[in-house]
Protein backbone atom coordinates (compact mmCIF):
# COMPACT_ATOMS: atom_id res chain seq x y z
CA MET A 1 218.81 187.78 224.35
CA THR A 2 216.66 190.39 226.11
CA THR A 3 214.22 187.70 227.31
CA LEU A 4 217.13 185.54 228.49
CA ALA A 5 218.68 188.48 230.35
CA LEU A 6 215.37 189.16 232.14
CA ILE A 7 214.94 185.49 233.06
CA MET A 8 218.52 185.27 234.33
CA LEU A 9 217.98 188.44 236.38
CA LEU A 10 214.83 186.88 237.86
CA ILE A 11 216.79 183.69 238.70
CA VAL A 12 219.54 185.70 240.44
CA ILE A 13 216.98 187.68 242.49
CA LEU A 14 215.15 184.50 243.56
CA LEU A 15 218.44 182.86 244.54
CA LEU A 16 219.47 185.89 246.59
CA VAL A 17 216.16 185.95 248.50
CA GLY A 18 216.66 182.32 249.46
CA MET A 19 214.20 180.37 247.31
CA PRO A 20 215.25 176.67 246.94
CA VAL A 21 217.40 176.21 243.84
CA ALA A 22 215.15 173.59 242.22
CA TYR A 23 212.13 175.93 242.45
CA VAL A 24 214.18 178.85 241.14
CA PHE A 25 215.07 176.98 237.97
CA GLY A 26 211.49 175.72 237.69
CA VAL A 27 210.25 179.33 237.62
CA GLY A 28 213.02 180.27 235.18
CA ALA A 29 212.34 177.36 232.82
CA ILE A 30 208.55 177.87 232.74
CA GLY A 31 208.94 181.65 232.41
CA PHE A 32 211.45 181.32 229.56
CA ALA A 33 209.19 178.86 227.73
CA LEU A 34 206.11 181.06 228.09
CA PHE A 35 207.88 184.29 227.07
CA THR A 36 209.29 182.63 223.95
CA GLY A 37 206.00 180.95 223.04
CA LYS A 38 207.30 177.37 223.27
CA SER A 39 204.88 174.52 223.94
CA MET A 40 205.30 172.84 227.34
CA SER A 41 203.60 169.75 225.88
CA TYR A 42 206.79 169.23 223.84
CA LEU A 43 209.38 170.45 226.37
CA ILE A 44 208.25 168.40 229.37
CA PRO A 45 208.25 164.98 227.62
CA HIS A 46 211.66 165.80 226.11
CA ALA A 47 213.05 166.61 229.58
CA PHE A 48 211.60 163.35 230.98
CA TRP A 49 213.21 161.46 228.10
CA GLN A 50 216.59 162.97 229.00
CA LEU A 51 216.13 161.93 232.63
CA GLY A 52 215.92 158.32 231.43
CA SER A 53 219.62 158.32 230.56
CA PHE A 54 221.53 155.24 231.76
CA THR A 55 224.46 157.49 232.68
CA LEU A 56 222.25 159.58 234.98
CA LEU A 57 221.49 156.44 237.00
CA SER A 58 225.05 156.73 238.39
CA LEU A 59 224.06 159.92 240.20
CA PRO A 60 221.78 158.46 242.93
CA LEU A 61 224.07 155.42 243.27
CA PHE A 62 227.16 157.57 243.91
CA ILE A 63 225.25 159.91 246.25
CA ILE A 64 223.83 157.07 248.37
CA ALA A 65 227.17 155.21 248.39
CA GLY A 66 228.89 158.41 249.54
CA ALA A 67 226.30 158.96 252.27
CA LEU A 68 226.72 155.38 253.52
CA MET A 69 230.52 155.60 253.48
CA GLY A 70 230.35 158.91 255.34
CA ALA A 71 228.25 157.25 258.06
CA SER A 72 230.44 154.14 258.25
CA GLY A 73 233.44 155.76 259.94
CA ILE A 74 235.57 156.12 256.85
CA SER A 75 236.38 159.78 257.64
CA ASP A 76 238.24 158.85 260.82
CA ARG A 77 240.30 156.18 259.02
CA LEU A 78 241.28 158.58 256.23
CA VAL A 79 242.30 161.25 258.75
CA GLN A 80 244.43 158.76 260.71
CA PHE A 81 246.00 157.46 257.49
CA VAL A 82 247.13 160.89 256.25
CA ASN A 83 248.09 162.07 259.75
CA ALA A 84 250.44 159.08 260.13
CA PHE A 85 252.62 160.57 257.38
CA VAL A 86 252.57 164.33 258.08
CA GLY A 87 251.46 164.63 261.72
CA PRO A 88 254.90 165.59 263.13
CA ILE A 89 255.30 168.53 260.69
CA ARG A 90 254.27 171.99 261.92
CA GLY A 91 250.98 172.71 260.20
CA GLY A 92 250.70 168.99 259.43
CA LEU A 93 247.10 168.81 260.60
CA GLY A 94 246.21 171.41 257.97
CA SER A 95 247.82 169.25 255.29
CA VAL A 96 245.91 166.27 256.69
CA THR A 97 242.70 168.23 256.15
CA ILE A 98 243.60 169.11 252.56
CA VAL A 99 244.63 165.61 251.53
CA THR A 100 241.73 163.95 253.35
CA CYS A 101 239.23 166.19 251.53
CA ALA A 102 240.81 165.08 248.24
CA LEU A 103 240.63 161.40 249.26
CA PHE A 104 237.04 161.80 250.45
CA GLY A 105 236.23 163.36 247.09
CA ALA A 106 237.34 160.11 245.48
CA ILE A 107 234.58 158.40 247.48
CA ALA A 108 231.68 160.86 247.81
CA GLY A 109 232.26 163.21 244.85
CA SER A 110 230.62 166.16 246.62
CA GLY A 111 232.07 169.28 248.23
CA ALA A 112 229.22 169.58 250.73
CA SER A 113 229.74 165.95 251.80
CA ALA A 114 233.45 166.61 252.32
CA ILE A 115 232.70 169.60 254.57
CA ALA A 116 230.14 167.66 256.60
CA ALA A 117 232.29 164.55 257.00
CA ILE A 118 235.80 166.01 257.23
CA GLY A 119 235.07 169.49 258.62
CA SER A 120 233.15 168.16 261.62
CA ILE A 121 236.20 166.07 262.57
CA MET A 122 239.13 168.27 261.56
CA ILE A 123 238.03 171.78 262.60
CA PRO A 124 237.74 170.89 266.33
CA LYS A 125 241.07 169.04 266.13
CA MET A 126 242.81 172.00 264.49
CA VAL A 127 241.34 174.45 267.01
CA ASP A 128 242.54 172.22 269.87
CA GLN A 129 246.07 172.31 268.39
CA GLY A 130 246.14 176.10 268.27
CA TYR A 131 244.88 176.84 264.75
CA PRO A 132 242.74 179.99 264.56
CA ARG A 133 239.10 178.94 264.18
CA GLY A 134 238.60 181.14 261.12
CA TYR A 135 241.71 179.72 259.46
CA ALA A 136 240.58 176.13 260.13
CA SER A 137 237.13 176.86 258.67
CA ALA A 138 238.63 178.55 255.60
CA LEU A 139 240.99 175.62 255.05
CA VAL A 140 238.13 173.10 255.11
CA GLY A 141 235.95 175.27 252.84
CA CYS A 142 238.70 175.78 250.26
CA SER A 143 239.83 172.15 250.40
CA SER A 144 236.27 170.89 249.90
CA VAL A 145 236.41 171.90 246.22
CA LEU A 146 238.98 169.13 245.72
CA ALA A 147 236.03 166.73 246.06
CA LEU A 148 234.65 168.28 242.85
CA LEU A 149 237.91 167.68 240.97
CA ILE A 150 239.05 164.25 242.13
CA PRO A 151 236.87 161.58 240.46
CA PRO A 152 234.25 160.31 240.71
CA SER A 153 232.89 163.85 240.59
CA ILE A 154 229.12 164.33 240.54
CA PRO A 155 229.34 167.73 238.71
CA MET A 156 231.52 166.13 236.01
CA ILE A 157 228.95 163.34 235.55
CA ILE A 158 226.24 165.96 235.02
CA PHE A 159 228.41 168.13 232.75
CA ALA A 160 229.37 165.16 230.56
CA LEU A 161 225.78 163.90 230.39
CA THR A 162 224.38 167.31 229.44
CA GLY A 163 227.14 167.99 226.91
CA GLY A 164 227.11 164.53 225.35
CA LEU A 165 230.72 163.83 226.42
CA SER A 166 232.53 160.81 227.82
CA VAL A 167 232.09 160.72 231.61
CA ALA A 168 235.39 158.86 232.01
CA ALA A 169 237.28 161.50 230.00
CA ALA A 170 235.65 164.31 232.00
CA PHE A 171 236.76 162.56 235.20
CA LEU A 172 240.36 162.41 233.98
CA SER A 173 240.41 166.05 232.89
CA THR A 174 240.27 167.41 236.45
CA ILE A 175 242.70 165.03 238.19
CA ILE A 176 245.92 166.98 237.48
CA PRO A 177 244.35 170.39 238.34
CA GLY A 178 242.98 168.89 241.57
CA ILE A 179 246.36 167.47 242.59
CA VAL A 180 248.13 170.74 241.77
CA ILE A 181 245.64 172.75 243.87
CA ALA A 182 246.08 170.32 246.78
CA LEU A 183 249.89 170.64 246.63
CA ILE A 184 249.76 174.45 246.48
CA TYR A 185 247.32 174.56 249.41
CA CYS A 186 249.70 172.35 251.45
CA LEU A 187 252.59 174.69 250.62
CA ILE A 188 250.59 177.80 251.58
CA ASN A 189 249.51 176.11 254.80
CA TYR A 190 253.12 175.21 255.68
CA ILE A 191 254.50 178.68 254.91
CA TYR A 192 251.71 180.39 256.88
CA LEU A 193 252.12 178.21 259.99
CA ARG A 194 255.81 177.29 260.00
CA LYS A 195 256.74 180.07 262.46
CA SER A 196 253.54 180.03 264.52
CA ASP A 197 254.29 179.18 268.14
CA ASN A 198 250.59 178.75 268.92
CA VAL A 199 250.22 175.70 266.70
CA GLN A 200 251.07 172.48 268.49
CA VAL A 201 253.05 169.72 266.80
CA GLU A 202 252.81 166.00 267.39
CA GLU A 203 255.58 164.61 269.53
CA LYS A 204 258.28 163.13 267.32
CA ILE A 205 258.85 159.40 267.57
CA SER A 206 261.55 157.09 266.27
CA LEU A 207 261.52 155.84 262.70
CA PRO A 208 260.57 152.24 263.64
CA GLU A 209 257.65 153.54 265.75
CA ARG A 210 256.56 155.88 262.94
CA SER A 211 256.68 152.95 260.53
CA ARG A 212 254.42 150.93 262.83
CA VAL A 213 251.97 153.86 263.08
CA ILE A 214 251.89 154.21 259.27
CA ALA A 215 251.44 150.46 258.81
CA LYS A 216 248.54 150.35 261.29
CA ALA A 217 246.81 153.41 259.78
CA SER A 218 247.30 152.04 256.26
CA LYS A 219 245.79 148.70 257.24
CA GLU A 220 242.73 150.34 258.83
CA ALA A 221 242.21 152.71 255.88
CA SER A 222 242.92 150.12 253.18
CA TRP A 223 239.25 149.21 252.65
CA ALA A 224 238.35 152.89 252.21
CA ILE A 225 241.22 153.58 249.81
CA LEU A 226 240.47 150.42 247.83
CA MET A 227 237.00 151.70 246.88
CA PRO A 228 238.09 154.45 244.42
CA VAL A 229 240.84 152.16 243.13
CA ILE A 230 238.25 149.52 242.21
CA MET A 231 235.86 152.08 240.69
CA LEU A 232 238.38 154.04 238.63
CA GLY A 233 240.45 150.98 237.75
CA GLY A 234 237.29 149.28 236.51
CA ILE A 235 236.22 152.29 234.45
CA TYR A 236 239.58 152.91 232.77
CA GLY A 237 240.34 149.22 232.49
CA GLY A 238 237.19 148.82 230.41
CA ILE A 239 235.63 146.42 232.94
CA PHE A 240 232.53 148.50 233.60
CA THR A 241 230.87 151.83 232.75
CA PRO A 242 230.66 154.76 235.21
CA THR A 243 227.07 153.73 236.04
CA GLU A 244 228.12 150.15 236.70
CA ALA A 245 231.03 151.53 238.78
CA ALA A 246 228.51 153.42 240.91
CA ALA A 247 226.54 150.21 241.46
CA VAL A 248 229.77 148.39 242.41
CA ALA A 249 230.60 151.24 244.84
CA LEU A 250 227.21 150.87 246.52
CA ALA A 251 227.53 147.08 246.72
CA TYR A 252 231.07 147.46 248.14
CA THR A 253 229.96 150.01 250.74
CA LEU A 254 227.45 147.77 252.52
CA PRO A 255 229.74 144.93 253.69
CA VAL A 256 232.56 147.38 254.47
CA GLY A 257 230.26 149.62 256.53
CA PHE A 258 228.39 146.82 258.33
CA LEU A 259 231.04 144.12 258.78
CA ILE A 260 234.50 145.72 258.60
CA TYR A 261 234.29 149.31 259.90
CA ARG A 262 231.03 148.54 261.74
CA GLY A 263 229.96 152.18 261.67
CA LEU A 264 226.73 151.20 259.98
CA ASN A 265 223.70 149.68 261.61
CA LEU A 266 220.13 149.56 260.39
CA GLN A 267 219.31 152.98 261.83
CA THR A 268 222.41 154.81 260.53
CA ALA A 269 222.10 153.07 257.17
CA MET A 270 218.45 154.09 256.78
CA THR A 271 219.28 157.65 257.81
CA ALA A 272 222.10 157.80 255.24
CA ILE A 273 219.92 156.28 252.50
CA ILE A 274 217.08 158.73 253.21
CA ARG A 275 219.52 161.65 253.21
CA GLY A 276 220.97 160.44 249.91
CA ALA A 277 217.51 159.97 248.43
CA VAL A 278 216.45 163.49 249.46
CA SER A 279 219.61 164.94 247.90
CA THR A 280 219.00 162.92 244.74
CA GLY A 281 215.37 164.07 244.52
CA SER A 282 216.37 167.70 244.85
CA ILE A 283 219.09 167.37 242.22
CA ILE A 284 216.83 165.46 239.77
CA ALA A 285 214.10 168.11 240.09
CA MET A 286 216.67 170.80 239.39
CA ILE A 287 218.11 168.87 236.44
CA PHE A 288 214.63 168.36 234.98
CA PHE A 289 213.88 172.10 234.91
CA LEU A 290 217.35 172.86 233.56
CA PHE A 291 216.74 170.35 230.75
CA VAL A 292 213.54 172.25 229.92
CA MET A 293 215.43 175.54 229.93
CA SER A 294 218.30 174.12 227.88
CA ARG A 295 215.93 172.95 225.16
CA VAL A 296 214.37 176.41 224.91
CA MET A 297 217.82 178.00 224.76
CA ILE A 298 218.89 175.69 221.95
CA MET A 299 215.69 176.38 220.01
CA GLU A 300 216.21 180.12 220.50
CA GLN A 301 219.90 179.80 219.46
CA VAL A 302 221.01 181.42 222.71
CA PRO A 303 224.51 179.82 222.70
CA GLN A 304 225.16 181.12 219.19
CA GLN A 305 223.91 184.58 220.14
CA LEU A 306 226.13 184.57 223.22
CA SER A 307 229.09 183.49 221.10
CA ASP A 308 228.41 186.32 218.63
CA PHE A 309 228.09 188.78 221.52
CA LEU A 310 231.43 187.77 223.07
CA ILE A 311 233.15 187.90 219.69
CA SER A 312 231.67 191.38 219.15
CA LEU A 313 233.42 192.49 222.36
CA SER A 314 236.78 191.20 221.20
CA ASP A 315 238.20 188.92 218.55
CA ASN A 316 241.07 187.97 220.87
CA LYS A 317 240.69 184.35 222.03
CA ILE A 318 242.51 185.06 225.30
CA VAL A 319 240.11 187.89 226.18
CA ILE A 320 237.06 185.77 225.37
CA LEU A 321 238.36 182.87 227.48
CA LEU A 322 238.91 185.26 230.39
CA LEU A 323 235.31 186.49 230.00
CA ILE A 324 234.08 182.88 229.99
CA ASN A 325 236.09 182.23 233.16
CA LEU A 326 234.50 185.26 234.78
CA LEU A 327 231.01 184.03 233.84
CA LEU A 328 231.79 180.59 235.26
CA ILE A 329 233.02 182.06 238.55
CA LEU A 330 229.84 184.15 238.79
CA ILE A 331 227.72 181.04 238.13
CA GLY A 332 229.67 179.18 240.83
CA MET A 333 229.08 182.03 243.28
CA LEU A 334 225.31 181.94 242.73
CA VAL A 335 224.45 178.25 242.48
CA ASP A 336 225.77 174.87 243.61
CA ASP A 337 228.24 172.86 241.56
CA VAL A 338 225.62 170.57 239.95
CA SER A 339 223.43 173.47 238.75
CA GLY A 340 226.51 175.34 237.57
CA SER A 341 227.79 172.40 235.56
CA ILE A 342 224.47 172.13 233.68
CA LEU A 343 224.32 175.86 232.96
CA ALA A 344 227.93 175.80 231.76
CA SER A 345 227.22 172.86 229.46
CA ILE A 346 224.05 174.43 228.06
CA ILE A 347 225.24 178.00 227.56
CA LEU A 348 229.03 178.08 227.41
CA LEU A 349 230.18 174.73 225.97
CA PRO A 350 228.98 175.63 222.43
CA VAL A 351 230.71 179.02 222.75
CA ALA A 352 233.97 177.38 223.83
CA MET A 353 233.81 174.87 220.98
CA ASP A 354 233.29 177.74 218.52
CA LEU A 355 236.58 179.15 219.83
CA GLY A 356 238.31 175.85 219.11
CA VAL A 357 238.50 174.72 222.76
CA HIS A 358 238.41 170.93 223.14
CA PRO A 359 235.21 169.95 225.02
CA ILE A 360 237.16 167.77 227.50
CA HIS A 361 239.55 170.69 228.10
CA PHE A 362 236.50 172.85 228.74
CA ALA A 363 235.24 170.29 231.29
CA ALA A 364 238.38 170.99 233.36
CA ILE A 365 237.92 174.74 232.93
CA VAL A 366 234.34 174.40 234.20
CA GLY A 367 235.32 172.19 237.15
CA THR A 368 238.09 174.48 238.41
CA ASN A 369 236.07 177.67 237.89
CA LEU A 370 232.90 176.42 239.57
CA GLY A 371 234.96 175.25 242.52
CA LEU A 372 236.50 178.71 242.75
CA GLY A 373 233.07 180.35 242.54
CA ASN A 374 231.72 178.10 245.31
CA ILE A 375 234.28 179.56 247.76
CA THR A 376 234.45 183.15 246.49
CA PRO A 377 232.59 185.79 248.58
CA PRO A 378 230.07 187.38 248.68
CA CYS A 379 228.02 184.38 247.45
CA ALA A 380 230.05 181.31 248.41
CA PRO A 381 227.84 178.30 249.26
CA LEU A 382 230.63 175.89 250.26
CA LEU A 383 232.57 178.53 252.20
CA TYR A 384 229.53 179.55 254.26
CA MET A 385 228.78 175.91 254.97
CA ALA A 386 232.34 175.43 256.27
CA GLY A 387 231.99 178.55 258.41
CA SER A 388 228.77 177.16 259.85
CA VAL A 389 230.34 173.77 260.63
CA GLY A 390 233.36 175.52 262.17
CA ASN A 391 231.23 177.95 264.19
CA ALA A 392 233.30 180.84 262.82
CA GLN A 393 232.31 184.40 261.95
CA PHE A 394 232.64 185.61 258.34
CA ASN A 395 235.33 188.17 259.19
CA GLU A 396 237.39 185.38 260.82
CA TYR A 397 237.66 183.22 257.72
CA LEU A 398 237.55 185.88 254.97
CA LYS A 399 241.27 186.79 254.96
CA PRO A 400 242.65 183.20 254.94
CA THR A 401 240.11 182.29 252.27
CA LEU A 402 241.29 185.10 249.99
CA ARG A 403 244.89 183.96 250.56
CA PHE A 404 244.08 180.42 249.39
CA ILE A 405 242.03 181.74 246.45
CA CYS A 406 244.55 184.30 245.16
CA LEU A 407 247.73 182.28 245.72
CA GLY A 408 246.38 178.78 245.17
CA HIS A 409 243.17 178.27 243.23
CA LEU A 410 243.09 181.24 240.84
CA PRO A 411 246.56 180.59 239.33
CA VAL A 412 245.53 176.98 238.62
CA VAL A 413 242.31 178.17 236.93
CA LEU A 414 244.34 180.38 234.60
CA ALA A 415 246.92 177.64 234.00
CA VAL A 416 244.20 175.10 233.11
CA THR A 417 242.57 177.62 230.77
CA PHE A 418 245.71 178.45 228.81
CA ILE A 419 247.68 175.18 229.10
CA PRO A 420 245.30 172.56 227.65
CA ASP A 421 247.68 169.66 228.38
CA LEU A 422 246.94 170.00 232.10
CA ALA A 423 243.43 168.78 231.29
CA LEU A 424 244.05 166.65 228.20
CA PHE A 425 247.22 164.75 229.14
CA LEU A 426 245.51 161.93 231.06
CA PRO A 427 242.48 161.55 228.69
CA ARG A 428 244.91 161.28 225.76
CA LEU A 429 247.23 158.90 227.60
CA LEU A 430 244.57 156.53 228.97
CA MET A 431 241.69 156.88 226.50
CA GLY A 432 243.29 158.06 223.28
CA ILE A 433 241.23 161.27 223.20
CA GLU A 434 242.24 163.36 220.17
C-alpha cells in the first residue's frame, strides 16, 4: 500500500502540473511495475490483449459518430426542438440548455462534446436574453455531466469493459439518475430566474401557432432524435450488440449529415473524423497504461488491501459507502471521466462487491460521482471548459455552480448510493438482472 500511495501521489502531482493524462498514467504504470518488481514483458502483452476486446471497438465508433453529428448541425435542431416546448417560460432557455445537453449525451456520450456543441450555441443566446454570463457558463458545465449518464455513455462502456460487466446493463443503470438530475436542475433554474426582470421571455403566441412551431421543430429534429432510438432500441431489443450499435450510429450519421441536414461536406467531415481519431488515440493510450497498472494492482492484491483498510476504519456499511463516494469525487476532480471510470473499476469495484453492492448498482454510483467530481472546484475539468467556452471568470460561475451541486447533483448521488432500485430498476425490468 505504501508503494501505491507514493505512485498515486506522483500521479496527482503530475496532473496538477499539467502533464497530459495519458503520459501521467504511463509514468504511474511503469513506476508501479518497476517498484513492485513485475516484468514488463508480461504486463505489456497482457494490456495489448485487453485492447483487442470487441466491446472496446465501440469506443472509436461512438466518438467519431458523435464528432460527425456535432459537425452536421444537429445541435441547432435539438435546441430548436426543446425551445419549441419551453421557450415562453421565464428561464425557459436555461431548461432548453439542460434538456439539450441530455439529448446530445444520447448521441455523443461525452461531457466535453456537449459543452463544445451546446455551450457554444446556448451561452451567447442566454447572455443575449439577460442571463448572467457566469450563470450561463455554470449551467452548461453542470448540465454537461448528463451526457455521461444518458446512454450511450463512453465512461460506462469503459467501466463495463474493465469490470467485466454488461455494457447494456451499465447504460440502463444511469438513466433514472440522469433524468432526475435534469429535472432538479430545471426546477432550480426556474426558481432562481422566475422573478428576474433582466431575463427576457419569448413573446407568447396562440396555441395553434405554438402547435405549428412544435410540429416544425419536431420534424427538423426527428432524424437526430431517431438515432439514439435506433441504437438503444436495437441493443435492448436484442437486434445488435453495443459495438454493432456504434457501427450503425456511424453508418446512420453519414447520410443524415451529408444529405438531410447538409452540415457535412468533405472538409468538415474530415476535420470531425481527424478530431475523433485524435481523441480515440489519446483515450486508447491512457487505457493501455491503466490496463498495465490494473494488472499490477490485482497481482499485488491492492483492492483487497484497500477493502481491509476501509473496513478497519469502520464496520458500518453506510460509512464505508460514504468514503467510497468521497474517493470517487476526488478521482473525478483530478482526471477525466474515462480515466476515472477505469480507476474506479480497478480499485473500488472489488471493494464495493465485498460490501455486497451489486456491480451494476455500483456502475451508477461511479457515473453520478465522477460527473459530480468533474464539476466540483478546485479541480473541475468540465466546469473550467464551460467557463472557457462562455468567456466567464471563475468567480462569476462559482456560486451558481455550487448551488446546482449542493441542491441538485449531490442529493442524487446520495440517493443512488443508498436506494439501489434507482440504478437497478431498469436493468431488472428490461434485462432480468438479478
